[in-house]
Amino acid sequence: MVSKYYIFSKVIETGSFTQAAGELNYSQSAVSQTVKSLEAELGTTLVRRDRFGVTLTADGESYMPFIRGICGAEEALREKKSEMEGLTDAVIRIGTFTSVSRTFLPQLMRSFKAKNHGVQFELLNGEYSSIERWVREGSVDLGFVNARYAENLQIEPLYRNDMKAVLPQNHHLAAEYTVTLEELAQEHFIELFEGDYSVSMDAFRSKGLSPDIEYSVQDDYSIITMVRQGLGVSMLYDDLLEGYGGGVLVRDIEDPPRREIALGYKDFSTLPLAARRFMDYIVEHMKKENV
C-alpha cells in the first residue's frame, strides 16, 4: 500500500495520471479519485489538466513542499521497518551467568548472528538477584534467571538441571557412586555463590543441615580449581561440568538440588524486536534439545 501523498507526488513527477497509474500498478480511475480525495481534504484544487499534461496550481505549488516532506518521512519509516525486520544495527543486551555464558549461549549467538549480520550482543555477567534487577531496571533486555525466584518478571522456561558433587581426586567419598547432602555437610564446603537465592543452601536447609562453609565463590571454574587443590568439596551444575570437570571427581547426589532456568524479561510489548527474535530462537533451540 502507498499513501495518497505518494500517489499525488507520482502524478506530478510523471506529469500524467495514466503514466503514474501504470508505474504504481493502479487503475487510472483509482489514481484520479485519490487526487480528488486529497484536494477535498485540503479544500482546494491542486492540479490542472490540459493538453500539455498535469501541472500544479498556485495552491498546489504551495502545498507541494509539505507533501514531499510527508513522502520523505514515509520512506524513512519504510526503511526503518525494513531495518528492524532485518535486525540491522540491533543490540541485544543479556544478563547471564557462568554456566550459560560458557556453555550453550555462545553457540546460539554465533548461529543467530550468521542469519542476522547486523546484530550485536552485550553480555553482563551476574547471579540471579542482580540479573533480575538489571531486567527490571532496563539495563538488559533479557536475563537468564532461576524461574523459582523470578516473581517480578515475565519468563520463558528453558530447561532444568541438577547439581552434582565435586570432590578432590583422593577424597574418601570417591568410592561412592552417589553421595548424600548429609555427607557433604560434614566436609569443608565451597559454596557456589548465587546471590540472594542459593539452590545448594536451600537444599541443605530443607533437610535441617548446616554445612561447614569454608569459601563462598561466584565463579564455577575457580571452585573447580579450589576443589582440585583439596581446599574442600562443592556442588556445581551438571551442564557446566560436562567437559570442564577435569582433575576432580564428579558424583551424583541423592535427591539432588535442582533449578529451572528461564529467560526473564520485563514486558513483552516493549521488548525490542531483536531481543524478541533471539528469545524465540533460544526457546525453539531448547525445545529441539529436549525432544
C-alpha atoms as a PDB file:
ATOM      1  CA  MET A   1       0.000   0.000   0.000  1.00  0.00           C
ATOM      2  CA  VAL A   2       1.163   3.527  -0.849  1.00  0.00           C
ATOM      3  CA  SER A   3      -0.258   6.717   0.574  1.00  0.00           C
ATOM      4  CA  LYS A   4      -2.282   9.350  -1.251  1.00  0.00           C
ATOM      5  CA  TYR A   5       0.648  11.753  -0.828  1.00  0.00           C
ATOM      6  CA  TYR A   6       2.969   9.385  -2.656  1.00  0.00           C
ATOM      7  CA  ILE A   7       0.403   8.844  -5.416  1.00  0.00           C
ATOM      8  CA  PHE A   8      -0.029  12.599  -5.797  1.00  0.00           C
ATOM      9  CA  SER A   9       3.741  13.097  -5.956  1.00  0.00           C
ATOM     10  CA  LYS A  10       3.997  10.391  -8.612  1.00  0.00           C
ATOM     11  CA  VAL A  11       1.360  12.169 -10.729  1.00  0.00           C
ATOM     12  CA  ILE A  12       3.324  15.424 -10.528  1.00  0.00           C
ATOM     13  CA  GLU A  13       6.619  13.638 -11.175  1.00  0.00           C
ATOM     14  CA  THR A  14       5.330  11.922 -14.335  1.00  0.00           C
ATOM     15  CA  GLY A  15       3.012  14.756 -15.404  1.00  0.00           C
ATOM     16  CA  SER A  16       0.376  12.167 -16.274  1.00  0.00           C
ATOM     17  CA  PHE A  17      -2.392  10.295 -14.458  1.00  0.00           C
ATOM     18  CA  THR A  18      -2.026   7.445 -16.959  1.00  0.00           C
ATOM     19  CA  GLN A  19       1.733   7.057 -16.542  1.00  0.00           C
ATOM     20  CA  ALA A  20       1.532   7.354 -12.743  1.00  0.00           C
ATOM     21  CA  ALA A  21      -1.167   4.660 -12.668  1.00  0.00           C
ATOM     22  CA  GLY A  22       0.999   2.386 -14.803  1.00  0.00           C
ATOM     23  CA  GLU A  23       4.096   2.792 -12.607  1.00  0.00           C
ATOM     24  CA  LEU A  24       2.072   2.227  -9.453  1.00  0.00           C
ATOM     25  CA  ASN A  25       0.128  -0.677 -10.953  1.00  0.00           C
ATOM     26  CA  TYR A  26      -3.113   1.120 -10.126  1.00  0.00           C
ATOM     27  CA  SER A  27      -6.052   1.922 -12.383  1.00  0.00           C
ATOM     28  CA  GLN A  28      -6.185   5.472 -13.774  1.00  0.00           C
ATOM     29  CA  SER A  29      -9.558   5.890 -12.102  1.00  0.00           C
ATOM     30  CA  ALA A  30      -8.094   4.973  -8.706  1.00  0.00           C
ATOM     31  CA  VAL A  31      -5.286   7.488  -9.110  1.00  0.00           C
ATOM     32  CA  SER A  32      -7.720  10.210 -10.168  1.00  0.00           C
ATOM     33  CA  GLN A  33     -10.003   9.506  -7.212  1.00  0.00           C
ATOM     34  CA  THR A  34      -7.027   9.627  -4.824  1.00  0.00           C
ATOM     35  CA  VAL A  35      -6.014  13.074  -6.076  1.00  0.00           C
ATOM     36  CA  LYS A  36      -9.588  14.304  -5.773  1.00  0.00           C
ATOM     37  CA  SER A  37      -9.718  12.946  -2.221  1.00  0.00           C
ATOM     38  CA  LEU A  38      -6.558  14.850  -1.303  1.00  0.00           C
ATOM     39  CA  GLU A  39      -7.946  18.034  -2.840  1.00  0.00           C
ATOM     40  CA  ALA A  40     -11.163  17.607  -0.855  1.00  0.00           C
ATOM     41  CA  GLU A  41      -9.135  17.079   2.332  1.00  0.00           C
ATOM     42  CA  LEU A  42      -7.149  20.279   1.738  1.00  0.00           C
ATOM     43  CA  GLY A  43     -10.166  22.226   0.432  1.00  0.00           C
ATOM     44  CA  THR A  44      -8.549  23.404  -2.784  1.00  0.00           C
ATOM     45  CA  THR A  45      -7.617  22.447  -6.334  1.00  0.00           C
ATOM     46  CA  LEU A  46      -4.055  21.160  -6.523  1.00  0.00           C
ATOM     47  CA  VAL A  47      -3.637  20.297 -10.205  1.00  0.00           C
ATOM     48  CA  ARG A  48      -4.873  21.386 -13.582  1.00  0.00           C
ATOM     49  CA  ARG A  49      -5.074  19.155 -16.637  1.00  0.00           C
ATOM     50  CA  ASP A  50      -4.653  20.396 -20.190  1.00  0.00           C
ATOM     51  CA  ARG A  51      -3.260  19.151 -23.484  1.00  0.00           C
ATOM     52  CA  PHE A  52       0.265  19.582 -22.119  1.00  0.00           C
ATOM     53  CA  GLY A  53      -0.393  17.221 -19.168  1.00  0.00           C
ATOM     54  CA  VAL A  54      -0.797  17.719 -15.439  1.00  0.00           C
ATOM     55  CA  THR A  55       0.588  20.816 -13.721  1.00  0.00           C
ATOM     56  CA  LEU A  56       0.330  22.296 -10.250  1.00  0.00           C
ATOM     57  CA  THR A  57      -1.988  25.161  -9.424  1.00  0.00           C
ATOM     58  CA  ALA A  58      -0.721  28.032  -7.282  1.00  0.00           C
ATOM     59  CA  ASP A  59      -2.143  26.286  -4.196  1.00  0.00           C
ATOM     60  CA  GLY A  60      -0.592  23.034  -5.385  1.00  0.00           C
ATOM     61  CA  GLU A  61       2.808  24.759  -5.563  1.00  0.00           C
ATOM     62  CA  SER A  62       2.346  25.990  -2.008  1.00  0.00           C
ATOM     63  CA  TYR A  63       1.393  22.550  -0.659  1.00  0.00           C
ATOM     64  CA  MET A  64       3.952  20.558  -2.653  1.00  0.00           C
ATOM     65  CA  PRO A  65       6.970  21.006  -0.300  1.00  0.00           C
ATOM     66  CA  PHE A  66       4.902  19.700   2.606  1.00  0.00           C
ATOM     67  CA  ILE A  67       3.593  16.763   0.575  1.00  0.00           C
ATOM     68  CA  ARG A  68       7.148  15.884  -0.451  1.00  0.00           C
ATOM     69  CA  GLY A  69       8.139  16.113   3.209  1.00  0.00           C
ATOM     70  CA  ILE A  70       5.414  13.627   4.152  1.00  0.00           C
ATOM     71  CA  CYS A  71       6.566  11.310   1.351  1.00  0.00           C
ATOM     72  CA  GLY A  72      10.137  11.531   2.624  1.00  0.00           C
ATOM     73  CA  ALA A  73       9.040  10.702   6.168  1.00  0.00           C
ATOM     74  CA  GLU A  74       7.003   7.754   4.898  1.00  0.00           C
ATOM     75  CA  GLU A  75      10.013   6.442   3.004  1.00  0.00           C
ATOM     76  CA  ALA A  76      12.180   6.812   6.108  1.00  0.00           C
ATOM     77  CA  LEU A  77       9.551   4.904   8.087  1.00  0.00           C
ATOM     78  CA  ARG A  78       9.501   2.108   5.491  1.00  0.00           C
ATOM     79  CA  GLU A  79      13.287   1.917   5.587  1.00  0.00           C
ATOM     80  CA  LYS A  80      13.263   1.767   9.398  1.00  0.00           C
ATOM     81  CA  LYS A  81      10.655  -1.001   9.334  1.00  0.00           C
ATOM     82  CA  SER A  82      12.778  -2.944   6.865  1.00  0.00           C
ATOM     83  CA  GLU A  83      15.835  -2.317   9.027  1.00  0.00           C
ATOM     84  CA  MET A  84      14.069  -3.551  12.149  1.00  0.00           C
ATOM     85  CA  GLU A  85      12.750  -6.652  10.403  1.00  0.00           C
ATOM     86  CA  GLY A  86      16.257  -7.360   9.198  1.00  0.00           C
ATOM     87  CA  LEU A  87      17.628  -6.510  12.660  1.00  0.00           C
ATOM     88  CA  THR A  88      20.157  -4.078  11.192  1.00  0.00           C
ATOM     89  CA  ASP A  89      22.332  -2.341  13.814  1.00  0.00           C
ATOM     90  CA  ALA A  90      20.328  -4.014  16.599  1.00  0.00           C
ATOM     91  CA  VAL A  91      21.928  -4.554  20.030  1.00  0.00           C
ATOM     92  CA  ILE A  92      20.669  -7.377  22.262  1.00  0.00           C
ATOM     93  CA  ARG A  93      21.586  -6.899  25.928  1.00  0.00           C
ATOM     94  CA  ILE A  94      21.620 -10.073  28.026  1.00  0.00           C
ATOM     95  CA  GLY A  95      22.176 -10.761  31.707  1.00  0.00           C
ATOM     96  CA  THR A  96      23.755 -14.172  32.187  1.00  0.00           C
ATOM     97  CA  PHE A  97      25.855 -16.336  34.485  1.00  0.00           C
ATOM     98  CA  THR A  98      28.826 -18.670  34.001  1.00  0.00           C
ATOM     99  CA  SER A  99      27.147 -21.982  33.268  1.00  0.00           C
ATOM    100  CA  VAL A 100      25.134 -20.327  30.485  1.00  0.00           C
ATOM    101  CA  SER A 101      27.695 -17.935  29.029  1.00  0.00           C
ATOM    102  CA  ARG A 102      30.378 -20.628  28.839  1.00  0.00           C
ATOM    103  CA  THR A 103      28.255 -23.480  27.501  1.00  0.00           C
ATOM    104  CA  PHE A 104      25.400 -23.130  25.003  1.00  0.00           C
ATOM    105  CA  LEU A 105      24.936 -19.332  24.753  1.00  0.00           C
ATOM    106  CA  PRO A 106      27.982 -18.535  22.555  1.00  0.00           C
ATOM    107  CA  GLN A 107      26.928 -21.163  20.010  1.00  0.00           C
ATOM    108  CA  LEU A 108      23.406 -19.707  19.795  1.00  0.00           C
ATOM    109  CA  MET A 109      24.763 -16.179  19.488  1.00  0.00           C
ATOM    110  CA  ARG A 110      27.022 -17.243  16.617  1.00  0.00           C
ATOM    111  CA  SER A 111      24.291 -19.089  14.684  1.00  0.00           C
ATOM    112  CA  PHE A 112      21.767 -16.271  15.224  1.00  0.00           C
ATOM    113  CA  LYS A 113      24.297 -13.655  14.101  1.00  0.00           C
ATOM    114  CA  ALA A 114      25.055 -15.709  10.975  1.00  0.00           C
ATOM    115  CA  LYS A 115      21.425 -15.190   9.946  1.00  0.00           C
ATOM    116  CA  ASN A 116      21.218 -11.591  11.188  1.00  0.00           C
ATOM    117  CA  HIS A 117      24.574  -9.982  10.402  1.00  0.00           C
ATOM    118  CA  GLY A 118      23.708  -6.575  11.825  1.00  0.00           C
ATOM    119  CA  VAL A 119      23.005  -7.869  15.342  1.00  0.00           C
ATOM    120  CA  GLN A 120      25.403  -7.112  18.189  1.00  0.00           C
ATOM    121  CA  PHE A 121      25.358  -8.662  21.669  1.00  0.00           C
ATOM    122  CA  GLU A 122      26.184  -7.148  25.043  1.00  0.00           C
ATOM    123  CA  LEU A 123      26.571  -9.623  27.925  1.00  0.00           C
ATOM    124  CA  LEU A 124      26.503  -8.680  31.589  1.00  0.00           C
ATOM    125  CA  ASN A 125      27.586 -11.450  33.950  1.00  0.00           C
ATOM    126  CA  GLY A 126      25.997 -11.788  37.380  1.00  0.00           C
ATOM    127  CA  GLU A 127      23.814 -14.021  39.555  1.00  0.00           C
ATOM    128  CA  TYR A 128      20.043 -14.495  39.887  1.00  0.00           C
ATOM    129  CA  SER A 129      19.216 -11.473  42.027  1.00  0.00           C
ATOM    130  CA  SER A 130      21.432  -8.991  40.176  1.00  0.00           C
ATOM    131  CA  ILE A 131      20.226 -10.234  36.781  1.00  0.00           C
ATOM    132  CA  GLU A 132      16.603  -9.898  37.862  1.00  0.00           C
ATOM    133  CA  ARG A 133      17.321  -6.330  38.990  1.00  0.00           C
ATOM    134  CA  TRP A 134      19.032  -5.483  35.671  1.00  0.00           C
ATOM    135  CA  VAL A 135      15.997  -6.686  33.749  1.00  0.00           C
ATOM    136  CA  ARG A 136      13.587  -4.708  35.932  1.00  0.00           C
ATOM    137  CA  GLU A 137      15.712  -1.553  35.651  1.00  0.00           C
ATOM    138  CA  GLY A 138      16.119  -1.924  31.884  1.00  0.00           C
ATOM    139  CA  SER A 139      19.908  -2.397  31.956  1.00  0.00           C
ATOM    140  CA  VAL A 140      19.424  -5.590  29.925  1.00  0.00           C
ATOM    141  CA  ASP A 141      16.637  -6.761  27.600  1.00  0.00           C
ATOM    142  CA  LEU A 142      16.737 -10.420  28.612  1.00  0.00           C
ATOM    143  CA  GLY A 143      18.135 -12.241  31.609  1.00  0.00           C
ATOM    144  CA  PHE A 144      18.807 -15.885  32.373  1.00  0.00           C
ATOM    145  CA  VAL A 145      17.208 -16.469  35.766  1.00  0.00           C
ATOM    146  CA  ASN A 146      16.150 -19.203  38.146  1.00  0.00           C
ATOM    147  CA  ALA A 147      12.409 -19.464  37.446  1.00  0.00           C
ATOM    148  CA  ARG A 148      11.673 -20.196  41.106  1.00  0.00           C
ATOM    149  CA  TYR A 149      12.969 -16.785  42.177  1.00  0.00           C
ATOM    150  CA  ALA A 150      11.810 -14.591  39.273  1.00  0.00           C
ATOM    151  CA  GLU A 151       8.454 -13.477  40.679  1.00  0.00           C
ATOM    152  CA  ASN A 152       8.774  -9.908  39.378  1.00  0.00           C
ATOM    153  CA  LEU A 153       9.471 -10.849  35.747  1.00  0.00           C
ATOM    154  CA  GLN A 154       7.712 -12.460  32.844  1.00  0.00           C
ATOM    155  CA  ILE A 155       9.546 -15.657  31.952  1.00  0.00           C
ATOM    156  CA  GLU A 156      10.027 -18.260  29.240  1.00  0.00           C
ATOM    157  CA  PRO A 157      11.063 -21.585  30.871  1.00  0.00           C
ATOM    158  CA  LEU A 158      14.013 -23.238  29.127  1.00  0.00           C
ATOM    159  CA  TYR A 159      15.409 -26.284  30.937  1.00  0.00           C
ATOM    160  CA  ARG A 160      16.142 -27.880  34.285  1.00  0.00           C
ATOM    161  CA  ASN A 161      19.467 -29.096  35.594  1.00  0.00           C
ATOM    162  CA  ASP A 162      20.770 -30.793  38.715  1.00  0.00           C
ATOM    163  CA  MET A 163      23.737 -30.128  40.941  1.00  0.00           C
ATOM    164  CA  LYS A 164      26.434 -32.758  41.338  1.00  0.00           C
ATOM    165  CA  ALA A 165      29.060 -33.239  43.998  1.00  0.00           C
ATOM    166  CA  VAL A 166      32.592 -32.149  43.069  1.00  0.00           C
ATOM    167  CA  LEU A 167      35.346 -33.847  45.097  1.00  0.00           C
ATOM    168  CA  PRO A 168      39.154 -33.900  45.162  1.00  0.00           C
ATOM    169  CA  GLN A 169      40.517 -36.997  43.452  1.00  0.00           C
ATOM    170  CA  ASN A 170      41.822 -38.551  46.650  1.00  0.00           C
ATOM    171  CA  HIS A 171      38.687 -37.843  48.686  1.00  0.00           C
ATOM    172  CA  HIS A 172      37.325 -40.544  50.972  1.00  0.00           C
ATOM    173  CA  LEU A 173      33.896 -40.349  49.267  1.00  0.00           C
ATOM    174  CA  ALA A 174      35.499 -41.214  45.911  1.00  0.00           C
ATOM    175  CA  ALA A 175      34.454 -44.864  46.224  1.00  0.00           C
ATOM    176  CA  GLU A 176      30.780 -43.871  46.365  1.00  0.00           C
ATOM    177  CA  TYR A 177      28.737 -43.650  43.165  1.00  0.00           C
ATOM    178  CA  THR A 178      26.191 -41.413  44.894  1.00  0.00           C
ATOM    179  CA  VAL A 179      26.717 -39.101  47.852  1.00  0.00           C
ATOM    180  CA  THR A 180      24.178 -37.502  50.161  1.00  0.00           C
ATOM    181  CA  LEU A 181      23.702 -33.956  51.332  1.00  0.00           C
ATOM    182  CA  GLU A 182      24.293 -35.213  54.858  1.00  0.00           C
ATOM    183  CA  GLU A 183      27.750 -36.451  53.831  1.00  0.00           C
ATOM    184  CA  LEU A 184      28.621 -33.218  52.042  1.00  0.00           C
ATOM    185  CA  ALA A 185      27.515 -31.128  55.022  1.00  0.00           C
ATOM    186  CA  GLN A 186      30.216 -32.790  57.124  1.00  0.00           C
ATOM    187  CA  GLU A 187      33.029 -31.720  54.754  1.00  0.00           C
ATOM    188  CA  HIS A 188      34.799 -28.413  54.258  1.00  0.00           C
ATOM    189  CA  PHE A 189      32.386 -26.927  51.725  1.00  0.00           C
ATOM    190  CA  ILE A 190      32.969 -24.430  48.924  1.00  0.00           C
ATOM    191  CA  GLU A 191      29.637 -22.734  48.207  1.00  0.00           C
ATOM    192  CA  LEU A 192      28.674 -21.608  44.714  1.00  0.00           C
ATOM    193  CA  PHE A 193      27.523 -18.060  45.447  1.00  0.00           C
ATOM    194  CA  GLU A 194      24.202 -17.413  43.676  1.00  0.00           C
ATOM    195  CA  GLY A 195      23.192 -14.107  45.219  1.00  0.00           C
ATOM    196  CA  ASP A 196      20.128 -13.818  47.419  1.00  0.00           C
ATOM    197  CA  TYR A 197      18.816 -17.210  46.263  1.00  0.00           C
ATOM    198  CA  SER A 198      21.095 -20.217  46.703  1.00  0.00           C
ATOM    199  CA  VAL A 199      19.879 -23.562  45.379  1.00  0.00           C
ATOM    200  CA  SER A 200      22.509 -25.520  47.301  1.00  0.00           C
ATOM    201  CA  MET A 201      21.897 -23.744  50.601  1.00  0.00           C
ATOM    202  CA  ASP A 202      18.133 -24.126  50.212  1.00  0.00           C
ATOM    203  CA  ALA A 203      18.668 -27.861  49.713  1.00  0.00           C
ATOM    204  CA  PHE A 204      20.742 -28.123  52.890  1.00  0.00           C
ATOM    205  CA  ARG A 205      18.206 -26.064  54.869  1.00  0.00           C
ATOM    206  CA  SER A 206      15.324 -28.227  53.660  1.00  0.00           C
ATOM    207  CA  LYS A 207      16.994 -31.169  55.408  1.00  0.00           C
ATOM    208  CA  GLY A 208      17.898 -29.211  58.521  1.00  0.00           C
ATOM    209  CA  LEU A 209      21.607 -29.263  57.666  1.00  0.00           C
ATOM    210  CA  SER A 210      24.227 -26.572  58.275  1.00  0.00           C
ATOM    211  CA  PRO A 211      27.236 -27.200  56.024  1.00  0.00           C
ATOM    212  CA  ASP A 212      30.748 -26.207  57.044  1.00  0.00           C
ATOM    213  CA  ILE A 213      31.215 -23.389  54.519  1.00  0.00           C
ATOM    214  CA  GLU A 214      34.899 -22.575  54.088  1.00  0.00           C
ATOM    215  CA  TYR A 215      34.524 -20.395  50.996  1.00  0.00           C
ATOM    216  CA  SER A 216      31.748 -18.732  49.006  1.00  0.00           C
ATOM    217  CA  VAL A 217      32.753 -18.224  45.362  1.00  0.00           C
ATOM    218  CA  GLN A 218      30.733 -16.951  42.386  1.00  0.00           C
ATOM    219  CA  ASP A 219      32.909 -18.319  39.567  1.00  0.00           C
ATOM    220  CA  ASP A 220      32.341 -22.022  38.853  1.00  0.00           C
ATOM    221  CA  TYR A 221      35.804 -22.555  37.379  1.00  0.00           C
ATOM    222  CA  SER A 222      37.518 -21.070  40.400  1.00  0.00           C
ATOM    223  CA  ILE A 223      35.606 -23.581  42.508  1.00  0.00           C
ATOM    224  CA  ILE A 224      36.808 -26.471  40.333  1.00  0.00           C
ATOM    225  CA  THR A 225      40.391 -25.260  40.758  1.00  0.00           C
ATOM    226  CA  MET A 226      39.954 -24.951  44.521  1.00  0.00           C
ATOM    227  CA  VAL A 227      38.489 -28.442  44.800  1.00  0.00           C
ATOM    228  CA  ARG A 228      41.348 -29.750  42.638  1.00  0.00           C
ATOM    229  CA  GLN A 229      43.763 -28.236  45.179  1.00  0.00           C
ATOM    230  CA  GLY A 230      41.996 -30.032  48.026  1.00  0.00           C
ATOM    231  CA  LEU A 231      40.512 -26.933  49.659  1.00  0.00           C
ATOM    232  CA  GLY A 232      37.117 -28.581  50.062  1.00  0.00           C
ATOM    233  CA  VAL A 233      34.178 -30.180  48.278  1.00  0.00           C
ATOM    234  CA  SER A 234      31.419 -28.430  46.390  1.00  0.00           C
ATOM    235  CA  MET A 235      28.278 -28.779  44.308  1.00  0.00           C
ATOM    236  CA  LEU A 236      28.068 -27.461  40.740  1.00  0.00           C
ATOM    237  CA  TYR A 237      25.542 -27.779  37.930  1.00  0.00           C
ATOM    238  CA  ASP A 238      25.822 -30.745  35.620  1.00  0.00           C
ATOM    239  CA  ASP A 239      25.739 -28.717  32.373  1.00  0.00           C
ATOM    240  CA  LEU A 240      28.891 -26.833  33.300  1.00  0.00           C
ATOM    241  CA  LEU A 241      30.749 -29.938  34.491  1.00  0.00           C
ATOM    242  CA  GLU A 242      30.379 -31.662  31.112  1.00  0.00           C
ATOM    243  CA  GLY A 243      33.809 -31.250  29.583  1.00  0.00           C
ATOM    244  CA  TYR A 244      35.087 -28.902  32.300  1.00  0.00           C
ATOM    245  CA  GLY A 245      35.407 -31.198  35.305  1.00  0.00           C
ATOM    246  CA  GLY A 246      38.955 -32.386  34.714  1.00  0.00           C
ATOM    247  CA  GLY A 247      41.158 -33.057  37.733  1.00  0.00           C
ATOM    248  CA  VAL A 248      38.248 -33.571  40.119  1.00  0.00           C
ATOM    249  CA  LEU A 249      35.737 -36.329  40.832  1.00  0.00           C
ATOM    250  CA  VAL A 250      32.084 -35.751  39.968  1.00  0.00           C
ATOM    251  CA  ARG A 251      29.437 -37.778  41.776  1.00  0.00           C
ATOM    252  CA  ASP A 252      25.636 -37.842  41.649  1.00  0.00           C
ATOM    253  CA  ILE A 253      23.790 -36.557  44.697  1.00  0.00           C
ATOM    254  CA  GLU A 254      20.916 -38.449  46.223  1.00  0.00           C
ATOM    255  CA  ASP A 255      17.825 -36.204  45.863  1.00  0.00           C
ATOM    256  CA  PRO A 256      19.918 -33.568  44.053  1.00  0.00           C
ATOM    257  CA  PRO A 257      19.349 -29.811  44.314  1.00  0.00           C
ATOM    258  CA  ARG A 258      17.697 -28.654  41.089  1.00  0.00           C
ATOM    259  CA  ARG A 259      16.986 -25.384  39.324  1.00  0.00           C
ATOM    260  CA  GLU A 260      14.781 -24.376  36.385  1.00  0.00           C
ATOM    261  CA  ILE A 261      16.445 -21.902  34.080  1.00  0.00           C
ATOM    262  CA  ALA A 262      14.247 -19.390  32.275  1.00  0.00           C
ATOM    263  CA  LEU A 263      14.638 -16.275  30.184  1.00  0.00           C
ATOM    264  CA  GLY A 264      13.234 -13.308  32.074  1.00  0.00           C
ATOM    265  CA  TYR A 265      12.018 -10.035  30.608  1.00  0.00           C
ATOM    266  CA  LYS A 266      10.111  -7.034  31.901  1.00  0.00           C
ATOM    267  CA  ASP A 267       7.310  -6.501  29.375  1.00  0.00           C
ATOM    268  CA  PHE A 268       6.879  -8.308  26.057  1.00  0.00           C
ATOM    269  CA  SER A 269       5.074  -5.342  24.479  1.00  0.00           C
ATOM    270  CA  THR A 270       8.140  -3.111  24.950  1.00  0.00           C
ATOM    271  CA  LEU A 271      10.796  -5.755  24.343  1.00  0.00           C
ATOM    272  CA  PRO A 272      12.964  -4.738  21.338  1.00  0.00           C
ATOM    273  CA  LEU A 273      12.311  -6.717  18.175  1.00  0.00           C
ATOM    274  CA  ALA A 274      15.819  -8.185  18.074  1.00  0.00           C
ATOM    275  CA  ALA A 275      15.534  -9.393  21.671  1.00  0.00           C
ATOM    276  CA  ARG A 276      12.131 -10.976  20.945  1.00  0.00           C
ATOM    277  CA  ARG A 277      13.563 -12.751  17.918  1.00  0.00           C
ATOM    278  CA  PHE A 278      16.553 -14.037  19.867  1.00  0.00           C
ATOM    279  CA  MET A 279      14.352 -15.207  22.734  1.00  0.00           C
ATOM    280  CA  ASP A 280      12.191 -17.148  20.269  1.00  0.00           C
ATOM    281  CA  TYR A 281      15.370 -18.574  18.739  1.00  0.00           C
ATOM    282  CA  ILE A 282      16.626 -19.781  22.127  1.00  0.00           C
ATOM    283  CA  VAL A 283      13.261 -21.265  23.106  1.00  0.00           C
ATOM    284  CA  GLU A 284      12.983 -23.121  19.797  1.00  0.00           C
ATOM    285  CA  HIS A 285      16.525 -24.468  20.191  1.00  0.00           C
ATOM    286  CA  MET A 286      15.804 -25.707  23.713  1.00  0.00           C
ATOM    287  CA  LYS A 287      12.633 -27.460  22.562  1.00  0.00           C
ATOM    288  CA  LYS A 288      14.641 -29.364  19.953  1.00  0.00           C
ATOM    289  CA  GLU A 289      17.319 -30.238  22.513  1.00  0.00           C
ATOM    290  CA  ASN A 290      14.751 -31.588  24.960  1.00  0.00           C
ATOM    291  CA  VAL A 291      12.783 -33.694  22.436  1.00  0.00           C
END
